[in-house]
N, C-alpha and C. Protein backbone atom coordinates (compact mmCIF):
# COMPACT_ATOMS: atom_id res chain seq x y z
N SER A 1 128.36 98.12 134.45
CA SER A 1 128.25 100.09 134.66
C SER A 1 127.73 100.61 135.60
N VAL A 2 127.97 101.42 135.61
CA VAL A 2 126.62 102.44 136.92
C VAL A 2 125.78 103.47 135.84
N PRO A 3 124.47 103.39 136.09
CA PRO A 3 123.80 103.58 135.25
C PRO A 3 123.81 105.53 135.72
N ALA A 4 123.46 106.49 134.95
CA ALA A 4 123.00 107.50 134.71
C ALA A 4 122.12 108.11 135.66
N ALA A 5 122.02 109.46 136.58
CA ALA A 5 121.87 110.06 137.32
C ALA A 5 120.38 109.87 137.00
N GLY A 6 119.11 109.71 137.76
CA GLY A 6 118.02 109.93 137.37
C GLY A 6 117.68 108.83 136.96
N THR A 7 118.30 107.60 136.79
CA THR A 7 117.82 106.53 136.52
C THR A 7 117.86 105.00 137.52
N LEU A 8 117.09 104.04 137.19
CA LEU A 8 116.67 103.05 137.93
C LEU A 8 116.50 101.82 138.03
N ALA A 9 118.32 101.00 137.58
CA ALA A 9 118.52 100.10 136.72
C ALA A 9 118.59 98.53 137.37
N PHE A 10 118.01 98.18 136.54
CA PHE A 10 118.39 96.06 137.22
C PHE A 10 119.12 95.69 136.99
N SER A 11 119.56 94.91 136.88
CA SER A 11 120.85 94.58 136.35
C SER A 11 121.42 92.84 136.75
N ILE A 12 121.02 91.48 136.00
CA ILE A 12 121.84 90.33 136.14
C ILE A 12 123.19 89.96 136.08
N ALA A 13 123.56 89.39 136.72
CA ALA A 13 125.42 89.09 136.66
C ALA A 13 126.17 90.03 135.61
N GLY A 14 125.78 91.69 136.42
CA GLY A 14 126.57 92.45 136.33
C GLY A 14 126.10 93.32 134.35
N SER A 15 124.84 92.99 133.62
CA SER A 15 124.45 93.93 132.75
C SER A 15 123.17 94.25 132.62
N SER A 16 122.72 95.03 132.23
CA SER A 16 122.02 95.84 132.80
C SER A 16 120.54 95.32 131.57
N GLN A 17 119.59 95.10 132.35
CA GLN A 17 118.75 94.55 131.86
C GLN A 17 117.18 95.13 131.74
N VAL A 18 117.04 96.14 132.51
CA VAL A 18 116.10 96.92 132.54
C VAL A 18 116.46 98.54 133.23
N ASN A 19 116.46 99.67 132.61
CA ASN A 19 116.42 100.99 132.67
C ASN A 19 114.97 101.26 133.17
N ILE A 20 115.26 102.49 134.05
CA ILE A 20 113.82 103.10 134.15
C ILE A 20 114.10 104.34 134.47
N THR A 21 113.31 105.61 133.96
CA THR A 21 113.74 106.88 134.05
C THR A 21 112.88 107.59 134.15
N THR A 22 112.25 109.10 134.22
CA THR A 22 111.52 109.35 134.22
C THR A 22 110.84 109.95 132.95
N ALA A 23 111.33 109.84 131.86
CA ALA A 23 111.03 109.98 130.41
C ALA A 23 110.18 107.70 129.82
N ARG A 24 111.65 106.75 130.62
CA ARG A 24 110.96 105.62 129.30
C ARG A 24 111.10 104.29 130.44
N VAL A 25 110.79 103.46 129.74
CA VAL A 25 111.08 102.17 130.65
C VAL A 25 112.15 101.34 129.27
N ALA A 26 113.41 101.17 129.68
CA ALA A 26 114.05 100.55 128.12
C ALA A 26 115.10 98.75 128.94
N THR A 27 114.12 98.56 127.59
CA THR A 27 114.85 96.90 128.58
C THR A 27 114.94 95.89 127.15
N SER A 28 116.05 94.75 127.70
CA SER A 28 116.55 93.89 127.45
C SER A 28 116.26 92.36 127.34
N ILE A 29 115.42 92.71 127.83
CA ILE A 29 114.20 91.27 128.11
C ILE A 29 113.27 91.49 127.80
N PRO A 30 112.03 91.00 127.67
CA PRO A 30 111.05 90.31 127.32
C PRO A 30 109.75 91.20 128.57
N ILE A 31 108.50 91.62 128.75
CA ILE A 31 108.11 92.20 128.99
C ILE A 31 106.99 91.29 129.47
N LEU A 32 106.53 90.33 130.34
CA LEU A 32 105.77 89.41 130.15
C LEU A 32 104.83 90.16 131.25
N GLY A 33 103.16 89.76 130.82
CA GLY A 33 101.85 90.55 132.12
C GLY A 33 100.96 88.89 131.87
N GLN A 34 100.41 89.35 132.41
CA GLN A 34 99.06 88.01 132.92
C GLN A 34 98.20 88.22 131.31
N ASN A 35 97.08 87.12 131.52
CA ASN A 35 96.31 87.52 130.11
C ASN A 35 95.33 88.73 129.69
N GLY A 36 94.87 88.98 131.06
CA GLY A 36 93.89 90.10 130.93
C GLY A 36 92.31 89.90 130.21
N SER A 37 91.65 90.54 130.17
CA SER A 37 90.14 90.07 129.65
C SER A 37 89.98 91.57 129.18
N THR A 38 88.34 91.60 128.16
CA THR A 38 87.95 93.33 127.75
C THR A 38 87.63 94.06 128.80
N SER A 39 87.55 93.84 130.07
CA SER A 39 87.24 94.82 130.44
C SER A 39 88.04 94.80 131.59
N ALA A 40 89.50 94.18 131.47
CA ALA A 40 90.99 94.49 132.29
C ALA A 40 91.42 93.94 131.40
N PRO A 41 92.10 94.59 130.27
CA PRO A 41 92.98 94.72 129.33
C PRO A 41 94.49 94.47 130.58
N VAL A 42 95.81 93.64 130.05
CA VAL A 42 97.07 94.15 130.66
C VAL A 42 97.65 94.94 130.69
N TYR A 43 97.26 95.46 129.01
CA TYR A 43 98.19 96.77 129.09
C TYR A 43 97.72 98.12 128.85
N SER A 44 97.32 98.66 129.68
CA SER A 44 95.58 99.55 129.77
C SER A 44 96.81 101.22 129.75
N PHE A 45 95.39 101.91 130.44
CA PHE A 45 96.07 103.22 130.94
C PHE A 45 95.24 103.62 131.71
N THR A 46 96.18 104.75 132.39
CA THR A 46 95.70 105.20 133.57
C THR A 46 94.60 106.02 133.79
N ASN A 47 94.17 106.69 132.37
CA ASN A 47 92.81 106.88 132.63
C ASN A 47 91.45 106.28 131.92
N SER A 48 91.90 105.38 131.18
CA SER A 48 90.90 104.17 131.34
C SER A 48 91.24 102.99 130.82
N THR A 49 91.38 101.80 132.41
CA THR A 49 91.84 101.18 132.99
C THR A 49 90.97 99.86 131.72
N ASN A 50 89.87 99.75 131.22
CA ASN A 50 89.45 98.78 130.81
C ASN A 50 89.42 99.10 128.96
N THR A 51 90.31 99.84 128.42
CA THR A 51 91.20 100.13 127.02
C THR A 51 92.10 99.68 127.21
N GLY A 52 92.55 98.79 126.53
CA GLY A 52 94.05 98.72 126.20
C GLY A 52 94.00 97.18 125.46
N ILE A 53 95.12 96.24 125.50
CA ILE A 53 95.65 95.49 124.86
C ILE A 53 95.72 93.57 126.15
N TYR A 54 94.97 92.78 125.47
CA TYR A 54 94.98 91.36 126.40
C TYR A 54 94.78 90.62 125.79
N LEU A 55 95.04 88.55 125.98
CA LEU A 55 95.19 88.36 125.83
C LEU A 55 93.71 86.98 125.16
N ASP A 56 93.08 87.12 124.06
CA ASP A 56 92.05 86.83 123.99
C ASP A 56 92.19 85.29 124.15
N SER A 57 92.79 84.35 124.16
CA SER A 57 93.00 82.83 124.16
C SER A 57 94.65 82.70 123.37
N VAL A 58 94.86 81.48 123.33
CA VAL A 58 96.06 80.86 122.90
C VAL A 58 96.59 81.66 121.30
N GLY A 59 97.04 82.58 120.50
CA GLY A 59 97.65 83.01 119.85
C GLY A 59 96.45 84.22 119.17
N ILE A 60 95.55 84.38 120.07
CA ILE A 60 95.02 85.93 119.24
C ILE A 60 95.07 86.88 120.74
N LEU A 61 95.15 87.83 119.84
CA LEU A 61 95.56 89.51 120.95
C LEU A 61 93.91 89.78 120.23
N GLY A 62 93.40 90.50 121.23
CA GLY A 62 92.51 91.36 121.82
C GLY A 62 93.01 92.75 122.28
N ILE A 63 91.88 93.69 121.35
CA ILE A 63 92.21 94.88 121.74
C ILE A 63 91.02 95.14 122.04
N SER A 64 90.62 95.85 123.16
CA SER A 64 89.05 96.75 124.05
C SER A 64 89.22 98.48 124.37
N ALA A 65 87.61 98.48 124.04
CA ALA A 65 87.58 100.28 124.57
C ALA A 65 86.03 100.29 124.95
N GLY A 66 87.07 100.87 125.90
CA GLY A 66 85.31 100.93 126.95
C GLY A 66 85.34 99.24 127.61
N GLY A 67 85.93 98.98 127.68
CA GLY A 67 85.70 97.05 128.57
C GLY A 67 85.23 96.24 127.27
N THR A 68 84.72 96.70 126.04
CA THR A 68 84.07 95.83 124.91
C THR A 68 85.18 96.00 123.64
N SER A 69 85.45 94.48 123.58
CA SER A 69 86.39 93.83 122.65
C SER A 69 85.82 94.90 121.17
N SER A 70 86.46 95.14 120.58
CA SER A 70 86.62 95.98 119.26
C SER A 70 87.60 95.07 118.20
N ALA A 71 88.53 94.58 118.91
CA ALA A 71 89.12 93.86 117.04
C ALA A 71 90.13 92.50 118.04
N THR A 72 90.40 91.04 117.50
CA THR A 72 91.05 90.62 117.47
C THR A 72 92.57 89.41 116.68
N PHE A 73 92.94 89.39 116.52
CA PHE A 73 93.89 89.50 115.62
C PHE A 73 94.53 88.03 115.96
N SER A 74 95.24 87.23 115.31
CA SER A 74 95.65 85.89 114.75
C SER A 74 96.56 85.52 113.84
N ALA A 75 97.22 84.57 113.66
CA ALA A 75 98.26 84.56 113.00
C ALA A 75 97.86 84.54 111.09
N THR A 76 96.40 84.38 111.32
CA THR A 76 95.41 84.64 109.86
C THR A 76 94.32 85.03 109.67
N GLN A 77 94.10 85.31 110.93
CA GLN A 77 92.08 86.63 110.16
C GLN A 77 92.77 87.57 111.37
N ALA A 78 92.05 89.07 110.86
CA ALA A 78 92.05 90.19 111.89
C ALA A 78 90.32 90.46 111.61
N LEU A 79 90.22 90.52 113.26
CA LEU A 79 88.15 90.69 113.48
C LEU A 79 87.66 91.29 113.64
N PHE A 80 87.07 92.53 113.52
CA PHE A 80 86.65 93.42 113.55
C PHE A 80 84.81 93.54 114.08
N LEU A 81 84.85 94.51 114.71
CA LEU A 81 82.51 94.83 115.07
C LEU A 81 82.49 94.33 113.23
N ALA A 82 81.37 94.27 113.87
CA ALA A 82 80.41 93.92 112.56
C ALA A 82 79.48 95.06 112.04
N GLY A 83 79.51 96.36 112.74
CA GLY A 83 79.31 97.35 112.55
C GLY A 83 77.93 97.76 112.06
N SER A 84 77.59 98.48 111.31
CA SER A 84 76.48 98.54 110.42
C SER A 84 76.90 100.02 109.77
N ALA A 85 75.04 99.83 108.68
CA ALA A 85 75.24 101.28 107.83
C ALA A 85 76.39 102.55 108.30
N GLY A 86 75.23 102.74 109.51
CA GLY A 86 75.35 104.22 109.80
C GLY A 86 77.16 103.86 110.69
N SER A 87 77.27 103.31 110.79
CA SER A 87 78.55 102.83 111.72
C SER A 87 79.01 102.08 111.80
N PRO A 88 80.11 101.86 110.55
CA PRO A 88 80.52 100.32 109.75
C PRO A 88 81.89 100.41 110.86
N GLY A 89 82.22 98.93 110.85
CA GLY A 89 83.14 98.65 111.58
C GLY A 89 84.23 98.69 110.95
N LEU A 90 84.93 98.96 109.80
CA LEU A 90 85.87 99.61 109.22
C LEU A 90 85.72 100.94 108.44
N SER A 91 85.86 101.92 109.68
CA SER A 91 85.85 103.34 108.49
C SER A 91 87.10 104.19 108.85
N PHE A 92 86.80 105.52 108.64
CA PHE A 92 87.61 106.46 108.42
C PHE A 92 88.41 107.21 109.33
N VAL A 93 88.85 107.82 110.53
CA VAL A 93 89.03 108.57 111.16
C VAL A 93 88.39 109.75 110.42
N SER A 94 88.09 110.54 109.53
CA SER A 94 88.02 111.82 108.66
C SER A 94 86.87 111.37 108.59
N ASP A 95 86.16 110.13 108.46
CA ASP A 95 84.89 110.25 107.81
C ASP A 95 84.38 108.69 108.19
N THR A 96 83.67 108.91 109.97
CA THR A 96 83.15 107.47 110.58
C THR A 96 81.82 106.77 109.82
N ASN A 97 81.03 107.35 108.91
CA ASN A 97 80.39 107.08 108.19
C ASN A 97 79.81 106.46 106.87
N THR A 98 81.37 106.44 106.44
CA THR A 98 81.82 105.27 105.12
C THR A 98 82.69 104.49 105.59
N GLY A 99 82.30 103.46 104.29
CA GLY A 99 83.30 101.94 105.24
C GLY A 99 82.33 100.81 104.68
N ILE A 100 82.61 99.70 105.30
CA ILE A 100 82.61 98.33 105.59
C ILE A 100 82.05 97.87 106.33
N TYR A 101 80.97 97.30 106.60
CA TYR A 101 80.29 96.49 107.64
C TYR A 101 79.57 95.45 107.05
N SER A 102 79.37 94.51 108.52
CA SER A 102 78.71 92.88 108.27
C SER A 102 77.06 93.05 108.35
N ALA A 103 76.35 92.76 106.83
CA ALA A 103 75.21 93.24 106.56
C ALA A 103 74.40 92.19 107.18
N GLY A 104 74.82 91.23 107.89
CA GLY A 104 73.86 90.00 108.34
C GLY A 104 74.74 89.08 107.88
N ALA A 105 74.72 87.85 108.11
CA ALA A 105 74.99 86.66 107.88
C ALA A 105 75.79 86.02 106.84
N ASP A 106 76.72 86.12 106.78
CA ASP A 106 77.62 85.78 105.19
C ASP A 106 77.10 86.88 104.08
N GLN A 107 77.02 88.16 104.35
CA GLN A 107 76.86 89.25 104.17
C GLN A 107 78.27 90.37 104.66
N ILE A 108 78.34 91.20 103.16
CA ILE A 108 79.10 92.52 103.58
C ILE A 108 78.70 93.86 102.76
N GLY A 109 79.10 94.70 103.52
CA GLY A 109 77.62 95.93 103.06
C GLY A 109 79.22 96.90 102.98
N LEU A 110 78.96 97.80 102.23
CA LEU A 110 79.74 98.80 101.46
C LEU A 110 78.46 100.26 101.66
N THR A 111 78.53 101.30 102.19
CA THR A 111 78.20 102.69 102.98
C THR A 111 78.69 103.78 102.87
N THR A 112 78.06 105.10 102.35
CA THR A 112 78.88 105.89 101.85
C THR A 112 77.91 107.25 102.86
N GLY A 113 78.22 107.92 103.61
CA GLY A 113 77.18 108.98 104.04
C GLY A 113 76.32 107.95 105.44
N GLY A 114 76.38 106.57 105.80
CA GLY A 114 75.40 106.51 107.04
C GLY A 114 74.30 105.48 106.00
N SER A 115 74.60 105.45 104.80
CA SER A 115 73.65 105.16 103.93
C SER A 115 74.10 103.46 103.78
N ALA A 116 73.44 102.83 103.46
CA ALA A 116 73.75 101.30 102.73
C ALA A 116 73.56 101.64 100.67
N LYS A 117 74.63 101.02 100.56
CA LYS A 117 75.41 101.37 99.10
C LYS A 117 75.09 100.12 98.14
N LEU A 118 75.89 99.30 98.71
CA LEU A 118 76.25 97.68 98.24
C LEU A 118 76.28 96.78 99.10
N ARG A 119 75.68 95.58 98.80
CA ARG A 119 75.78 94.59 99.73
C ARG A 119 76.02 93.29 98.98
N VAL A 120 76.89 92.98 99.23
CA VAL A 120 77.35 91.04 98.50
C VAL A 120 77.36 90.20 99.53
N ASP A 121 76.70 89.02 99.17
CA ASP A 121 75.79 88.12 100.18
C ASP A 121 76.74 86.34 98.92
N THR A 122 75.80 85.31 99.34
CA THR A 122 77.03 84.44 98.94
C THR A 122 76.18 84.07 97.45
N THR A 123 74.93 84.85 96.74
CA THR A 123 74.21 84.15 95.60
C THR A 123 74.36 85.86 94.78
N SER A 124 74.21 86.79 95.54
CA SER A 124 74.41 87.95 94.52
C SER A 124 75.00 89.11 94.91
N ILE A 125 74.94 89.80 94.50
CA ILE A 125 75.52 91.46 94.54
C ILE A 125 73.90 92.34 94.56
N CYS A 126 73.50 93.25 95.38
CA CYS A 126 72.77 94.55 95.71
C CYS A 126 73.09 95.87 95.64
N ALA A 127 72.85 96.98 94.30
CA ALA A 127 73.11 97.95 94.84
C ALA A 127 72.18 98.64 95.04
N ASP A 128 72.06 99.30 96.40
CA ASP A 128 70.92 100.47 96.16
C ASP A 128 71.17 101.89 95.45
N VAL A 129 72.45 102.30 94.23
CA VAL A 129 72.24 103.38 93.94
C VAL A 129 72.88 102.91 91.95
N ALA A 130 72.91 103.26 92.07
CA ALA A 130 73.00 103.33 90.02
C ALA A 130 74.37 102.77 90.00
N VAL A 131 74.27 101.70 88.75
CA VAL A 131 76.00 101.21 88.86
C VAL A 131 76.45 101.84 87.50
N GLN A 132 77.22 102.24 86.67
CA GLN A 132 77.87 102.70 86.13
C GLN A 132 78.94 102.02 85.59
N SER A 133 79.24 101.97 84.14
CA SER A 133 80.23 101.35 83.66
C SER A 133 80.84 102.12 82.61
N LEU A 134 82.14 102.38 82.78
CA LEU A 134 82.60 103.05 81.58
C LEU A 134 82.34 102.73 79.99
N VAL A 135 82.60 103.40 78.96
CA VAL A 135 82.07 103.24 77.48
C VAL A 135 83.20 101.85 77.35
N SER A 136 82.48 101.44 76.46
CA SER A 136 83.21 99.52 76.38
C SER A 136 81.95 99.55 75.17
N THR A 137 83.17 97.91 74.53
CA THR A 137 82.35 97.39 73.17
C THR A 137 81.91 96.23 73.30
N ALA A 138 81.46 95.72 71.85
CA ALA A 138 81.05 94.56 71.92
C ALA A 138 81.99 93.08 72.23
N SER A 139 83.12 93.41 71.81
CA SER A 139 84.06 92.57 72.03
C SER A 139 84.80 93.07 73.28
N ALA A 140 84.12 94.07 74.63
CA ALA A 140 85.14 93.99 75.71
C ALA A 140 83.51 94.74 76.64
N PRO A 141 82.43 93.98 77.08
CA PRO A 141 80.86 94.81 77.54
C PRO A 141 81.31 94.86 78.72
N GLY A 142 81.20 96.44 79.05
CA GLY A 142 81.42 96.93 80.66
C GLY A 142 80.57 96.24 81.60
N TYR A 143 79.03 95.51 80.86
CA TYR A 143 78.40 94.37 82.02
C TYR A 143 78.80 92.98 81.16
N CYS A 144 79.07 91.58 82.09
CA CYS A 144 79.39 90.53 80.99
C CYS A 144 78.98 90.02 82.70
N PHE A 145 79.20 88.51 81.63
CA PHE A 145 79.23 87.33 82.80
C PHE A 145 79.98 86.66 83.03
N GLN A 146 79.90 86.06 84.15
CA GLN A 146 81.68 85.00 84.72
C GLN A 146 81.72 84.06 83.80
N GLY A 147 82.74 83.99 83.19
CA GLY A 147 83.39 83.04 82.86
C GLY A 147 83.36 83.40 81.00
N PHE A 148 82.43 84.13 80.68
CA PHE A 148 82.00 84.75 79.48
C PHE A 148 82.18 86.17 78.87
N THR A 149 83.78 86.67 79.26
CA THR A 149 83.63 88.03 79.12
C THR A 149 84.08 88.95 77.75
N THR A 150 83.42 88.03 76.63
CA THR A 150 83.35 88.77 75.46
C THR A 150 81.98 88.91 75.33
N SER A 151 81.04 88.57 76.42
CA SER A 151 78.74 88.53 76.37
C SER A 151 78.86 89.40 76.98
N GLY A 152 77.66 89.90 76.42
CA GLY A 152 77.25 91.21 77.57
C GLY A 152 76.44 92.17 77.17
N MET A 153 76.23 93.05 77.83
CA MET A 153 75.75 94.45 77.59
C MET A 153 77.03 95.40 77.54
N TYR A 154 76.95 96.11 76.08
CA TYR A 154 77.98 97.92 76.49
C TYR A 154 77.27 98.67 75.81
N ILE A 155 77.67 99.66 76.22
CA ILE A 155 77.71 101.43 76.02
C ILE A 155 78.57 101.97 74.98
N THR A 156 78.57 102.31 74.28
CA THR A 156 79.42 102.95 73.31
C THR A 156 78.06 103.98 72.02
N SER A 157 79.45 105.49 72.10
CA SER A 157 78.71 106.35 71.19
C SER A 157 77.23 106.72 71.25
N GLY A 158 76.58 106.11 72.50
CA GLY A 158 75.65 106.68 72.27
C GLY A 158 74.44 105.64 72.24
N LEU A 159 75.31 104.51 71.83
CA LEU A 159 74.18 102.80 71.97
C LEU A 159 74.52 102.68 72.78
N ILE A 160 73.43 101.47 72.82
CA ILE A 160 73.04 100.51 73.96
C ILE A 160 73.40 98.99 72.98
N GLY A 161 74.15 97.91 73.19
CA GLY A 161 74.46 97.12 72.87
C GLY A 161 74.24 95.55 73.55
N LEU A 162 74.19 94.81 73.11
CA LEU A 162 74.25 93.06 73.45
C LEU A 162 74.94 92.43 72.21
N SER A 163 75.54 91.78 72.89
CA SER A 163 76.93 91.06 72.11
C SER A 163 77.16 89.67 72.56
N GLN A 164 77.48 88.78 72.06
CA GLN A 164 77.54 87.41 72.57
C GLN A 164 79.12 86.85 71.65
N SER A 165 80.10 86.68 72.22
CA SER A 165 81.30 86.28 71.70
C SER A 165 82.15 87.00 71.25
N GLY A 166 81.71 88.40 71.74
CA GLY A 166 82.52 89.80 71.68
C GLY A 166 82.39 90.15 69.74
N ASN A 167 81.30 89.71 69.48
CA ASN A 167 80.33 90.20 68.39
C ASN A 167 78.85 90.47 68.62
N ALA A 168 78.33 92.18 67.99
CA ALA A 168 77.44 92.88 68.18
C ALA A 168 76.62 92.16 67.78
N LYS A 169 75.33 91.71 68.39
CA LYS A 169 73.54 90.72 68.79
C LYS A 169 73.00 91.81 68.47
N ILE A 170 72.54 93.03 69.08
CA ILE A 170 71.32 93.65 69.28
C ILE A 170 72.50 95.18 69.22
N THR A 171 71.54 96.42 68.82
CA THR A 171 72.05 97.86 69.10
C THR A 171 70.79 98.44 69.03
N LEU A 172 70.56 99.23 70.40
CA LEU A 172 69.28 100.36 70.64
C LEU A 172 69.98 101.48 70.80
N ASN A 173 69.24 102.59 69.79
CA ASN A 173 69.99 103.98 69.78
C ASN A 173 68.67 104.81 70.56
N HIS A 174 68.72 106.37 70.62
CA HIS A 174 67.82 107.15 70.90
C HIS A 174 65.79 106.41 70.87
N SER A 175 66.47 106.76 69.18
CA SER A 175 65.22 105.94 68.51
C SER A 175 64.71 104.89 68.14
N ASP A 176 65.49 103.93 69.03
CA ASP A 176 64.52 102.73 68.90
C ASP A 176 63.74 102.61 69.96
N VAL A 177 62.54 101.62 69.94
CA VAL A 177 61.53 101.66 71.06
C VAL A 177 61.70 100.14 71.44
């Protein structure tokens, strides 16, 4: 077939494989590039040649921004920068100081307003703010134990109680000492 005016076409055996116009490049075959690197990604931009996509290693796609690896993706994992409480590795376009970050080895941190609020590690959960529970009952305590979901602390009708196996054992009200 004859390409339209203003189109550069590459054909093999009479079949158009690549068409280039002033607006786009269209192809029916894969576009293969070199591996690239964080500082020189294979697919980049005219005004930012160190920002783009590169092959980190076999089976791992890398994304770089300003010559620094920002994220890598494999078939089983997506890896992001660790970040910090003030600049979390996973955040939001409209709220960049709120999100998830690595608080250290084997630790996840949650941050809001650039301030650490919650950290989870292999042995504990640490909150830097008050932890609140919905109103609960002796048989469904708001704060319970792994494997013992009917034993714990509950709050109902102005009372604080401790329960065991779904039964109230101790209750405290505003006049109890």
